[in-house]
Amino acid sequence: MGKSARTERSRYESEVAAYVAAGGDEQVQRVITAVHGLARRLSQWYTQQLSHHDLSPGEWAVLRHLAAESDDNVSTPSQLADATAVAPSSMTHRLDRMAERGLISRTPDAENRTRILVQLTRQGWDMFRQVIREGDLVESDVLAQVPTAQRARLAQLLELAIAGLDDALK
């Protein structure tokens, strides 16, 4: 079977078998490999979806951070650079492009005039909502194979794994 003809399922089975043969615990490898495969495929789809909106993954990271992770939906360029793992100079260029498109606004901080505050504009919020709604359709399709009654349990189990990440990865 050529690489282009491989299904995600066959890739998963091959990877799990290789990891177990190398000494990995089968249950651990089944879970981690499945989560990684799902994340990989979703990432490919998200990148394609974002390009339809003329958004780069980096710009999406800024929108997502401002909408969901920053205090009061306001952040500084340095905080955004740190949150998205880019150099501050790269963040400046990214924010320039986003401001030109009307997705974000930049204003001086009234308490510290040397600091700039970045926040989503109405247009930025509209873009965020549109991307989320479109993504929700694909994500729903991904979960179509999981019975509705078991989705809450799956979410609980994954949340348990996430809860341990901060301690496990220190």
N, C-alpha and C. Protein backbone atom coordinates (compact mmCIF):
# COMPACT_ATOMS: atom_id res chain seq x y z
N MET A 1 0.86 -1.17 0.00
CA MET A 1 0.00 0.00 0.00
C MET A 1 0.90 1.23 0.00
N GLY A 2 0.76 2.10 -0.99
CA GLY A 2 1.56 3.32 -1.06
C GLY A 2 1.14 4.29 0.02
N LYS A 3 2.06 5.21 0.35
CA LYS A 3 1.77 6.17 1.41
C LYS A 3 0.54 7.00 1.12
N SER A 4 0.34 7.40 -0.15
CA SER A 4 -0.81 8.24 -0.47
C SER A 4 -2.13 7.48 -0.31
N ALA A 5 -2.08 6.16 -0.38
CA ALA A 5 -3.30 5.37 -0.28
C ALA A 5 -3.62 4.97 1.16
N ARG A 6 -2.74 5.32 2.10
CA ARG A 6 -2.95 4.94 3.50
C ARG A 6 -4.10 5.74 4.09
N THR A 7 -4.92 5.04 4.83
CA THR A 7 -6.00 5.73 5.55
C THR A 7 -5.46 6.19 6.89
N GLU A 8 -6.18 7.09 7.50
CA GLU A 8 -5.79 7.53 8.84
C GLU A 8 -5.80 6.34 9.80
N ARG A 9 -6.77 5.45 9.63
CA ARG A 9 -6.87 4.27 10.50
C ARG A 9 -5.64 3.37 10.33
N SER A 10 -5.21 3.13 9.09
CA SER A 10 -4.05 2.26 8.89
C SER A 10 -2.78 2.93 9.40
N ARG A 11 -2.68 4.24 9.26
CA ARG A 11 -1.52 4.97 9.82
C ARG A 11 -1.51 4.80 11.33
N TYR A 12 -2.67 4.98 11.94
CA TYR A 12 -2.80 4.83 13.40
C TYR A 12 -2.35 3.44 13.84
N GLU A 13 -2.85 2.41 13.17
CA GLU A 13 -2.51 1.03 13.55
C GLU A 13 -1.02 0.76 13.40
N SER A 14 -0.42 1.26 12.33
CA SER A 14 1.03 1.08 12.12
C SER A 14 1.85 1.79 13.18
N GLU A 15 1.45 3.01 13.51
CA GLU A 15 2.18 3.76 14.53
C GLU A 15 2.08 3.09 15.89
N VAL A 16 0.87 2.69 16.26
CA VAL A 16 0.71 2.02 17.56
C VAL A 16 1.55 0.76 17.60
N ALA A 17 1.51 -0.04 16.55
CA ALA A 17 2.29 -1.28 16.51
C ALA A 17 3.78 -0.99 16.65
N ALA A 18 4.27 0.04 15.97
CA ALA A 18 5.69 0.38 16.05
C ALA A 18 6.07 0.84 17.46
N TYR A 19 5.22 1.65 18.08
CA TYR A 19 5.52 2.16 19.42
C TYR A 19 5.49 1.04 20.45
N VAL A 20 4.54 0.13 20.30
CA VAL A 20 4.46 -1.00 21.23
C VAL A 20 5.67 -1.92 21.03
N ALA A 21 6.04 -2.17 19.78
CA ALA A 21 7.21 -3.01 19.50
C ALA A 21 8.49 -2.40 20.08
N ALA A 22 8.52 -1.06 20.16
CA ALA A 22 9.68 -0.37 20.71
C ALA A 22 9.65 -0.29 22.23
N GLY A 23 8.59 -0.84 22.84
CA GLY A 23 8.53 -0.88 24.29
C GLY A 23 7.46 -0.01 24.92
N GLY A 24 6.66 0.66 24.12
CA GLY A 24 5.60 1.50 24.67
C GLY A 24 4.43 0.68 25.17
N ASP A 25 3.75 1.20 26.17
CA ASP A 25 2.55 0.56 26.71
C ASP A 25 1.43 0.69 25.67
N GLU A 26 0.78 -0.42 25.33
CA GLU A 26 -0.22 -0.40 24.26
C GLU A 26 -1.38 0.55 24.55
N GLN A 27 -1.92 0.52 25.76
CA GLN A 27 -3.05 1.40 26.06
C GLN A 27 -2.65 2.88 25.94
N VAL A 28 -1.50 3.21 26.48
CA VAL A 28 -1.02 4.60 26.39
C VAL A 28 -0.83 4.99 24.93
N GLN A 29 -0.19 4.13 24.17
CA GLN A 29 0.08 4.44 22.77
C GLN A 29 -1.20 4.55 21.94
N ARG A 30 -2.19 3.73 22.23
CA ARG A 30 -3.46 3.83 21.50
C ARG A 30 -4.10 5.20 21.73
N VAL A 31 -4.12 5.65 22.97
CA VAL A 31 -4.76 6.94 23.28
C VAL A 31 -3.95 8.08 22.69
N ILE A 32 -2.67 8.13 22.99
CA ILE A 32 -1.84 9.26 22.55
C ILE A 32 -1.76 9.32 21.02
N THR A 33 -1.62 8.18 20.38
CA THR A 33 -1.54 8.16 18.92
C THR A 33 -2.86 8.59 18.29
N ALA A 34 -3.97 8.19 18.88
CA ALA A 34 -5.28 8.61 18.37
C ALA A 34 -5.46 10.11 18.52
N VAL A 35 -5.12 10.64 19.68
CA VAL A 35 -5.24 12.08 19.91
C VAL A 35 -4.33 12.85 18.96
N HIS A 36 -3.11 12.38 18.79
CA HIS A 36 -2.17 13.05 17.88
C HIS A 36 -2.67 12.99 16.43
N GLY A 37 -3.16 11.86 16.00
CA GLY A 37 -3.68 11.73 14.63
C GLY A 37 -4.87 12.64 14.40
N LEU A 38 -5.75 12.71 15.36
CA LEU A 38 -6.91 13.60 15.27
C LEU A 38 -6.45 15.06 15.20
N ALA A 39 -5.52 15.43 16.06
CA ALA A 39 -5.01 16.80 16.07
C ALA A 39 -4.32 17.14 14.75
N ARG A 40 -3.56 16.20 14.21
CA ARG A 40 -2.85 16.42 12.94
C ARG A 40 -3.85 16.68 11.81
N ARG A 41 -4.86 15.84 11.72
CA ARG A 41 -5.85 16.01 10.63
C ARG A 41 -6.67 17.27 10.81
N LEU A 42 -7.07 17.57 12.02
CA LEU A 42 -7.82 18.81 12.26
C LEU A 42 -6.96 20.03 11.95
N SER A 43 -5.69 19.96 12.30
CA SER A 43 -4.79 21.08 12.01
C SER A 43 -4.70 21.33 10.50
N GLN A 44 -4.63 20.28 9.73
CA GLN A 44 -4.61 20.42 8.27
C GLN A 44 -5.89 21.09 7.79
N TRP A 45 -7.01 20.66 8.32
CA TRP A 45 -8.28 21.25 7.90
C TRP A 45 -8.38 22.70 8.34
N TYR A 46 -7.97 23.00 9.58
CA TYR A 46 -8.04 24.37 10.08
C TYR A 46 -7.18 25.31 9.23
N THR A 47 -5.99 24.87 8.86
CA THR A 47 -5.12 25.70 8.03
C THR A 47 -5.79 26.01 6.70
N GLN A 48 -6.41 25.01 6.11
CA GLN A 48 -7.13 25.21 4.85
C GLN A 48 -8.32 26.15 5.05
N GLN A 49 -9.07 25.96 6.12
CA GLN A 49 -10.22 26.80 6.41
C GLN A 49 -9.78 28.25 6.62
N LEU A 50 -8.72 28.45 7.37
CA LEU A 50 -8.23 29.80 7.64
C LEU A 50 -7.80 30.50 6.36
N SER A 51 -7.21 29.76 5.44
CA SER A 51 -6.77 30.38 4.18
C SER A 51 -7.96 30.91 3.39
N HIS A 52 -9.12 30.30 3.54
CA HIS A 52 -10.34 30.81 2.88
C HIS A 52 -10.75 32.16 3.42
N HIS A 53 -10.31 32.47 4.63
CA HIS A 53 -10.62 33.76 5.26
C HIS A 53 -9.43 34.72 5.19
N ASP A 54 -8.40 34.31 4.44
CA ASP A 54 -7.17 35.09 4.33
C ASP A 54 -6.54 35.31 5.71
N LEU A 55 -6.59 34.27 6.53
CA LEU A 55 -5.97 34.30 7.86
C LEU A 55 -4.86 33.26 7.90
N SER A 56 -3.74 33.64 8.47
CA SER A 56 -2.68 32.67 8.71
C SER A 56 -2.95 31.99 10.05
N PRO A 57 -2.35 30.82 10.28
CA PRO A 57 -2.49 30.21 11.60
C PRO A 57 -2.02 31.15 12.73
N GLY A 58 -1.00 31.95 12.46
CA GLY A 58 -0.51 32.90 13.46
C GLY A 58 -1.52 33.99 13.76
N GLU A 59 -2.19 34.48 12.73
CA GLU A 59 -3.24 35.48 12.95
C GLU A 59 -4.41 34.87 13.71
N TRP A 60 -4.74 33.64 13.39
CA TRP A 60 -5.81 32.96 14.12
C TRP A 60 -5.42 32.81 15.59
N ALA A 61 -4.15 32.52 15.86
CA ALA A 61 -3.70 32.39 17.24
C ALA A 61 -3.92 33.70 18.01
N VAL A 62 -3.71 34.84 17.35
CA VAL A 62 -3.95 36.13 17.99
C VAL A 62 -5.44 36.32 18.24
N LEU A 63 -6.28 36.05 17.24
CA LEU A 63 -7.73 36.18 17.42
C LEU A 63 -8.21 35.30 18.56
N ARG A 64 -7.76 34.05 18.53
CA ARG A 64 -8.18 33.08 19.55
C ARG A 64 -7.74 33.52 20.94
N HIS A 65 -6.51 33.99 21.04
CA HIS A 65 -6.00 34.42 22.35
C HIS A 65 -6.80 35.61 22.87
N LEU A 66 -7.03 36.58 22.02
CA LEU A 66 -7.77 37.76 22.46
C LEU A 66 -9.21 37.41 22.83
N ALA A 67 -9.82 36.51 22.10
CA ALA A 67 -11.22 36.15 22.36
C ALA A 67 -11.38 35.26 23.59
N ALA A 68 -10.44 34.36 23.80
CA ALA A 68 -10.68 33.33 24.81
C ALA A 68 -9.71 33.31 25.98
N GLU A 69 -8.52 33.82 25.80
CA GLU A 69 -7.51 33.58 26.82
C GLU A 69 -7.00 34.82 27.53
N SER A 70 -7.17 35.98 26.95
CA SER A 70 -6.63 37.18 27.59
C SER A 70 -7.64 37.80 28.54
N ASP A 71 -7.15 38.52 29.53
CA ASP A 71 -8.02 39.20 30.49
C ASP A 71 -8.78 40.32 29.79
N ASP A 72 -10.08 40.33 29.93
CA ASP A 72 -10.93 41.37 29.34
C ASP A 72 -10.74 41.50 27.83
N ASN A 73 -10.27 40.45 27.19
CA ASN A 73 -10.05 40.44 25.74
C ASN A 73 -9.06 41.51 25.30
N VAL A 74 -8.14 41.87 26.19
CA VAL A 74 -7.10 42.87 25.90
C VAL A 74 -5.75 42.24 26.22
N SER A 75 -4.76 42.53 25.39
CA SER A 75 -3.43 42.00 25.61
C SER A 75 -2.42 43.00 25.08
N THR A 76 -1.17 42.80 25.43
CA THR A 76 -0.10 43.62 24.86
C THR A 76 0.58 42.84 23.75
N PRO A 77 1.27 43.53 22.85
CA PRO A 77 2.01 42.79 21.81
C PRO A 77 3.00 41.78 22.39
N SER A 78 3.65 42.13 23.49
CA SER A 78 4.59 41.19 24.12
C SER A 78 3.88 39.95 24.65
N GLN A 79 2.73 40.15 25.27
CA GLN A 79 1.96 39.01 25.77
C GLN A 79 1.50 38.13 24.61
N LEU A 80 1.08 38.77 23.53
CA LEU A 80 0.65 38.00 22.36
C LEU A 80 1.81 37.23 21.74
N ALA A 81 2.98 37.87 21.67
CA ALA A 81 4.16 37.19 21.13
C ALA A 81 4.50 35.97 21.98
N ASP A 82 4.46 36.14 23.29
CA ASP A 82 4.74 35.03 24.20
C ASP A 82 3.70 33.93 24.06
N ALA A 83 2.42 34.31 24.01
CA ALA A 83 1.34 33.32 23.93
C ALA A 83 1.35 32.54 22.63
N THR A 84 1.86 33.15 21.56
CA THR A 84 1.85 32.48 20.25
C THR A 84 3.24 32.02 19.82
N ALA A 85 4.21 32.17 20.71
CA ALA A 85 5.57 31.67 20.50
C ALA A 85 6.24 32.26 19.26
N VAL A 86 6.17 33.59 19.13
CA VAL A 86 6.89 34.27 18.05
C VAL A 86 7.70 35.42 18.63
N ALA A 87 8.66 35.88 17.86
CA ALA A 87 9.48 37.02 18.29
C ALA A 87 8.61 38.27 18.30
N PRO A 88 8.87 39.18 19.23
CA PRO A 88 8.08 40.43 19.27
C PRO A 88 8.07 41.18 17.93
N SER A 89 9.18 41.17 17.20
CA SER A 89 9.20 41.87 15.90
C SER A 89 8.25 41.21 14.91
N SER A 90 8.16 39.90 14.96
CA SER A 90 7.21 39.19 14.08
C SER A 90 5.78 39.52 14.48
N MET A 91 5.53 39.66 15.78
CA MET A 91 4.19 40.00 16.24
C MET A 91 3.80 41.39 15.75
N THR A 92 4.74 42.33 15.74
CA THR A 92 4.45 43.68 15.27
C THR A 92 3.95 43.64 13.83
N HIS A 93 4.63 42.89 12.97
CA HIS A 93 4.21 42.77 11.57
C HIS A 93 2.84 42.10 11.45
N ARG A 94 2.61 41.08 12.26
CA ARG A 94 1.32 40.38 12.25
C ARG A 94 0.21 41.34 12.68
N LEU A 95 0.45 42.10 13.73
CA LEU A 95 -0.56 43.04 14.22
C LEU A 95 -0.80 44.17 13.22
N ASP A 96 0.25 44.60 12.52
CA ASP A 96 0.07 45.62 11.47
C ASP A 96 -0.93 45.14 10.43
N ARG A 97 -0.73 43.92 9.96
CA ARG A 97 -1.62 43.37 8.94
C ARG A 97 -3.05 43.23 9.46
N MET A 98 -3.17 42.76 10.68
CA MET A 98 -4.50 42.57 11.26
C MET A 98 -5.21 43.91 11.50
N ALA A 99 -4.45 44.92 11.89
CA ALA A 99 -5.04 46.25 12.09
C ALA A 99 -5.48 46.84 10.75
N GLU A 100 -4.68 46.65 9.71
CA GLU A 100 -5.06 47.13 8.37
C GLU A 100 -6.36 46.50 7.91
N ARG A 101 -6.59 45.26 8.30
CA ARG A 101 -7.82 44.56 7.91
C ARG A 101 -8.98 44.87 8.85
N GLY A 102 -8.73 45.63 9.90
CA GLY A 102 -9.79 46.00 10.83
C GLY A 102 -10.14 44.93 11.84
N LEU A 103 -9.26 43.94 12.04
CA LEU A 103 -9.55 42.84 12.97
C LEU A 103 -9.21 43.17 14.41
N ILE A 104 -8.22 44.05 14.59
CA ILE A 104 -7.79 44.44 15.93
C ILE A 104 -7.62 45.94 15.99
N SER A 105 -7.62 46.45 17.20
CA SER A 105 -7.25 47.86 17.41
C SER A 105 -6.10 47.90 18.39
N ARG A 106 -5.28 48.92 18.26
CA ARG A 106 -4.15 49.13 19.17
C ARG A 106 -4.29 50.54 19.75
N THR A 107 -4.25 50.61 21.06
CA THR A 107 -4.36 51.90 21.73
C THR A 107 -3.31 51.99 22.82
N PRO A 108 -2.83 53.20 23.11
CA PRO A 108 -1.88 53.34 24.23
C PRO A 108 -2.58 53.03 25.55
N ASP A 109 -1.85 52.40 26.46
CA ASP A 109 -2.35 52.10 27.79
C ASP A 109 -2.39 53.40 28.59
N ALA A 110 -3.55 53.75 29.12
CA ALA A 110 -3.71 55.01 29.86
C ALA A 110 -2.84 55.03 31.12
N GLU A 111 -2.56 53.87 31.70
CA GLU A 111 -1.76 53.80 32.92
C GLU A 111 -0.27 53.71 32.66
N ASN A 112 0.11 53.29 31.47
CA ASN A 112 1.52 53.16 31.10
C ASN A 112 1.63 53.52 29.63
N ARG A 113 1.91 54.75 29.34
CA ARG A 113 1.86 55.27 27.97
C ARG A 113 2.90 54.63 27.04
N THR A 114 3.86 53.90 27.58
CA THR A 114 4.83 53.22 26.72
C THR A 114 4.31 51.87 26.25
N ARG A 115 3.18 51.45 26.80
CA ARG A 115 2.62 50.14 26.49
C ARG A 115 1.41 50.29 25.58
N ILE A 116 1.29 49.38 24.63
CA ILE A 116 0.17 49.36 23.69
C ILE A 116 -0.76 48.21 24.08
N LEU A 117 -2.05 48.49 24.02
CA LEU A 117 -3.06 47.46 24.29
C LEU A 117 -3.72 47.05 22.98
N VAL A 118 -3.88 45.76 22.81
CA VAL A 118 -4.46 45.20 21.59
C VAL A 118 -5.77 44.54 21.97
N GLN A 119 -6.81 44.79 21.17
CA GLN A 119 -8.07 44.09 21.39
C GLN A 119 -8.79 43.88 20.07
N LEU A 120 -9.72 42.94 20.09
CA LEU A 120 -10.49 42.65 18.89
C LEU A 120 -11.47 43.79 18.62
N THR A 121 -11.64 44.09 17.35
CA THR A 121 -12.69 45.01 16.92
C THR A 121 -13.96 44.19 16.69
N ARG A 122 -15.04 44.88 16.38
CA ARG A 122 -16.28 44.17 16.03
C ARG A 122 -16.02 43.24 14.84
N GLN A 123 -15.26 43.72 13.87
CA GLN A 123 -14.94 42.91 12.69
C GLN A 123 -14.10 41.69 13.11
N GLY A 124 -13.18 41.87 14.06
CA GLY A 124 -12.39 40.75 14.57
C GLY A 124 -13.25 39.71 15.27
N TRP A 125 -14.21 40.19 16.08
CA TRP A 125 -15.14 39.27 16.74
C TRP A 125 -15.99 38.54 15.70
N ASP A 126 -16.44 39.25 14.67
CA ASP A 126 -17.24 38.61 13.63
C ASP A 126 -16.44 37.52 12.93
N MET A 127 -15.15 37.80 12.64
CA MET A 127 -14.29 36.80 12.00
C MET A 127 -14.11 35.60 12.94
N PHE A 128 -13.87 35.87 14.21
CA PHE A 128 -13.71 34.78 15.19
C PHE A 128 -14.95 33.89 15.20
N ARG A 129 -16.13 34.51 15.30
CA ARG A 129 -17.38 33.74 15.33
C ARG A 129 -17.58 32.92 14.06
N GLN A 130 -17.29 33.52 12.91
CA GLN A 130 -17.49 32.82 11.65
C GLN A 130 -16.58 31.59 11.56
N VAL A 131 -15.33 31.75 11.92
CA VAL A 131 -14.39 30.62 11.86
C VAL A 131 -14.84 29.53 12.85
N ILE A 132 -15.28 29.93 14.03
CA ILE A 132 -15.74 28.94 15.02
C ILE A 132 -16.96 28.19 14.51
N ARG A 133 -17.92 28.90 13.95
CA ARG A 133 -19.14 28.23 13.44
C ARG A 133 -18.79 27.25 12.32
N GLU A 134 -17.92 27.64 11.41
CA GLU A 134 -17.52 26.73 10.33
C GLU A 134 -16.76 25.53 10.88
N GLY A 135 -15.88 25.79 11.84
CA GLY A 135 -15.12 24.71 12.45
C GLY A 135 -16.01 23.73 13.18
N ASP A 136 -17.04 24.25 13.81
CA ASP A 136 -17.96 23.40 14.56
C ASP A 136 -18.64 22.37 13.65
N LEU A 137 -18.89 22.73 12.41
CA LEU A 137 -19.50 21.79 11.47
C LEU A 137 -18.58 20.61 11.21
N VAL A 138 -17.31 20.90 10.95
CA VAL A 138 -16.35 19.82 10.68
C VAL A 138 -16.10 19.01 11.95
N GLU A 139 -15.97 19.70 13.07
CA GLU A 139 -15.73 18.99 14.33
C GLU A 139 -16.91 18.07 14.66
N SER A 140 -18.11 18.50 14.35
CA SER A 140 -19.28 17.65 14.56
C SER A 140 -19.20 16.41 13.67
N ASP A 141 -18.74 16.59 12.43
CA ASP A 141 -18.56 15.45 11.54
C ASP A 141 -17.52 14.47 12.08
N VAL A 142 -16.45 15.01 12.67
CA VAL A 142 -15.40 14.17 13.23
C VAL A 142 -15.98 13.30 14.34
N LEU A 143 -16.87 13.86 15.13
CA LEU A 143 -17.45 13.13 16.25
C LEU A 143 -18.67 12.29 15.85
N ALA A 144 -19.03 12.29 14.60
CA ALA A 144 -20.21 11.56 14.15
C ALA A 144 -20.13 10.07 14.48
N GLN A 145 -18.91 9.53 14.51
CA GLN A 145 -18.74 8.10 14.79
C GLN A 145 -18.86 7.80 16.28
N VAL A 146 -18.83 8.83 17.11
CA VAL A 146 -18.94 8.64 18.56
C VAL A 146 -20.40 8.85 18.95
N PRO A 147 -21.03 7.83 19.49
CA PRO A 147 -22.44 8.00 19.88
C PRO A 147 -22.62 9.21 20.81
N THR A 148 -23.68 9.93 20.60
CA THR A 148 -23.96 11.15 21.36
C THR A 148 -23.86 10.91 22.86
N ALA A 149 -24.39 9.81 23.33
CA ALA A 149 -24.38 9.51 24.76
C ALA A 149 -22.96 9.33 25.30
N GLN A 150 -21.99 8.99 24.45
CA GLN A 150 -20.62 8.76 24.91
C GLN A 150 -19.73 9.99 24.75
N ARG A 151 -20.19 11.03 24.09
CA ARG A 151 -19.37 12.23 23.87
C ARG A 151 -19.03 12.92 25.18
N ALA A 152 -19.99 13.02 26.09
CA ALA A 152 -19.71 13.67 27.38
C ALA A 152 -18.64 12.89 28.13
N ARG A 153 -18.72 11.57 28.09
CA ARG A 153 -17.71 10.73 28.77
C ARG A 153 -16.34 10.91 28.12
N LEU A 154 -16.29 10.94 26.81
CA LEU A 154 -15.03 11.16 26.11
C LEU A 154 -14.43 12.50 26.52
N ALA A 155 -15.25 13.55 26.56
CA ALA A 155 -14.78 14.87 26.97
C ALA A 155 -14.23 14.82 28.40
N GLN A 156 -14.93 14.13 29.30
CA GLN A 156 -14.48 14.03 30.69
C GLN A 156 -13.12 13.33 30.78
N LEU A 157 -12.96 12.26 30.02
CA LEU A 157 -11.70 11.52 30.06
C LEU A 157 -10.54 12.36 29.51
N LEU A 158 -10.79 13.06 28.42
CA LEU A 158 -9.74 13.92 27.86
C LEU A 158 -9.42 15.08 28.80
N GLU A 159 -10.43 15.61 29.46
CA GLU A 159 -10.21 16.68 30.44
C GLU A 159 -9.36 16.19 31.61
N LEU A 160 -9.54 14.94 32.02
CA LEU A 160 -8.69 14.37 33.06
C LEU A 160 -7.24 14.33 32.60
N ALA A 161 -7.02 13.92 31.36
CA ALA A 161 -5.65 13.87 30.83
C ALA A 161 -5.06 15.28 30.77
N ILE A 162 -5.85 16.26 30.34
CA ILE A 162 -5.38 17.64 30.25
C ILE A 162 -5.03 18.18 31.63
N ALA A 163 -5.84 17.83 32.63
CA ALA A 163 -5.61 18.32 33.99
C ALA A 163 -4.24 17.93 34.51
N GLY A 164 -3.74 16.82 34.08
CA GLY A 164 -2.45 16.36 34.55
C GLY A 164 -1.27 16.87 33.75
N LEU A 165 -1.51 17.58 32.66
CA LEU A 165 -0.40 18.01 31.81
C LEU A 165 0.55 18.98 32.50
N ASP A 166 0.03 19.97 33.18
CA ASP A 166 0.90 20.96 33.80
C ASP A 166 1.88 20.32 34.78
N ASP A 167 1.40 19.41 35.60
CA ASP A 167 2.27 18.74 36.55
C ASP A 167 3.22 17.76 35.87
N ALA A 168 2.72 17.02 34.89
CA ALA A 168 3.52 15.99 34.24
C ALA A 168 4.64 16.57 33.38
N LEU A 169 4.44 17.76 32.84
CA LEU A 169 5.41 18.31 31.90
C LEU A 169 6.32 19.37 32.52
N LYS A 170 6.39 19.44 33.84
CA LYS A 170 7.27 20.42 34.51
C LYS A 170 8.69 19.98 34.45
